[in-house]
Protein backbone atom coordinates (compact mmCIF):
# COMPACT_ATOMS: atom_id res chain seq x y z
CA MET A 1 34.62 138.70 -119.21
CA SER A 2 33.85 138.55 -115.49
CA ALA A 3 33.46 142.34 -115.08
CA GLY A 4 29.80 143.48 -115.29
CA ILE A 5 27.77 143.86 -118.34
CA ARG A 6 27.88 147.59 -119.54
CA LYS A 7 25.62 147.48 -122.48
CA ILE A 8 23.69 145.05 -124.71
CA HIS A 9 22.31 145.11 -128.24
CA TYR A 10 20.39 142.68 -130.42
CA LYS A 11 20.11 142.21 -134.20
CA PRO A 12 16.97 140.08 -134.63
CA ASP A 13 17.42 139.45 -138.34
CA LEU A 14 20.79 137.94 -137.63
CA GLU A 15 20.05 136.56 -134.14
CA GLU A 16 23.27 138.29 -132.98
CA LEU A 17 23.75 139.52 -129.40
CA SER A 18 26.37 141.98 -128.63
CA ILE A 19 27.44 142.43 -124.99
CA TRP A 20 29.91 145.13 -123.78
CA PHE A 21 31.82 143.96 -120.68
CA GLY A 22 33.90 145.80 -117.95
CA PRO A 23 35.55 149.17 -117.70
CA ASN A 24 37.13 148.84 -121.11
CA PHE A 25 33.77 148.06 -122.82
CA ARG A 26 35.13 144.96 -124.62
CA ARG A 27 32.30 143.78 -126.97
CA TYR A 28 31.57 140.17 -127.66
CA LYS A 29 29.24 138.97 -130.25
CA TYR A 30 27.15 135.86 -129.62
CA PHE A 31 25.60 134.06 -132.51
CA GLY A 32 22.32 132.14 -132.87
CA VAL A 33 20.80 133.68 -129.90
CA PRO A 34 16.83 133.57 -130.01
CA GLU A 35 15.11 136.84 -129.44
CA HIS A 36 13.37 135.55 -126.33
CA MET A 37 16.86 135.04 -124.70
CA PHE A 38 17.76 138.62 -125.50
CA GLU A 39 14.44 139.79 -124.02
CA ALA A 40 14.97 137.80 -120.91
CA LEU A 41 18.55 139.18 -120.52
CA ARG A 42 17.34 142.61 -121.11
CA ASP A 43 14.62 142.29 -118.45
CA ALA A 44 16.66 140.21 -115.92
CA SER A 45 17.24 141.84 -112.39
CA SER A 46 20.87 140.55 -112.75
CA ARG A 47 22.09 140.61 -116.24
CA THR A 48 25.41 139.15 -115.29
CA GLY A 49 23.73 136.36 -113.51
CA PHE A 50 21.40 135.62 -116.43
CA PHE A 51 24.32 135.77 -118.84
CA ASN A 52 26.37 133.26 -116.77
CA ALA A 53 23.50 130.81 -116.34
CA PHE A 54 21.93 130.91 -119.87
CA ILE A 55 24.30 132.41 -122.48
CA LYS A 56 27.89 132.02 -121.46
CA GLY A 57 29.24 128.75 -123.13
CA ARG A 58 25.95 127.97 -124.89
CA PHE A 59 26.38 130.10 -128.05
CA ASP A 60 29.29 130.72 -130.42
CA CYS A 61 30.92 134.02 -129.61
CA ALA A 62 33.72 136.20 -130.81
CA LEU A 63 35.55 139.33 -129.70
CA ALA A 64 34.34 142.24 -131.90
CA ASP A 65 37.04 144.18 -133.86
CA PRO A 66 38.68 146.56 -131.38
CA SER A 67 38.94 149.26 -134.06
CA ALA A 68 35.24 149.21 -134.31
CA LEU A 69 35.16 149.91 -130.47
CA ARG A 70 37.49 152.81 -130.83
CA ASN A 71 35.30 154.31 -133.67
CA GLN A 72 32.07 153.80 -131.63
CA ARG A 73 33.66 155.59 -128.56
CA TRP A 74 34.77 158.55 -130.81
CA GLN A 75 31.26 158.66 -132.23
CA ASP A 76 29.77 158.69 -128.67
CA ILE A 77 32.25 161.40 -127.59
CA ARG A 78 31.40 163.55 -130.53
CA SER A 79 27.72 163.26 -130.21
CA ALA A 80 27.77 164.09 -126.45
CA SER A 81 29.54 167.40 -127.16
């Protein structure tokens, strides 16, 4: 997960933060993340630095289903054409 952050998304009702990392856009979900932490990450001058200092290792996380990633890429490709 050391490659840069590519994309972030937050579900406030679930307190679930999704972060896409690296050239392969591997998505990890972080659980129990307060909204103010997402906002601080979103607004940070260095998202990777903020992530390493305040999120990594502090919240439960899981690698998102790879098939969901493939489906999202396909939808992104289709919507771009």
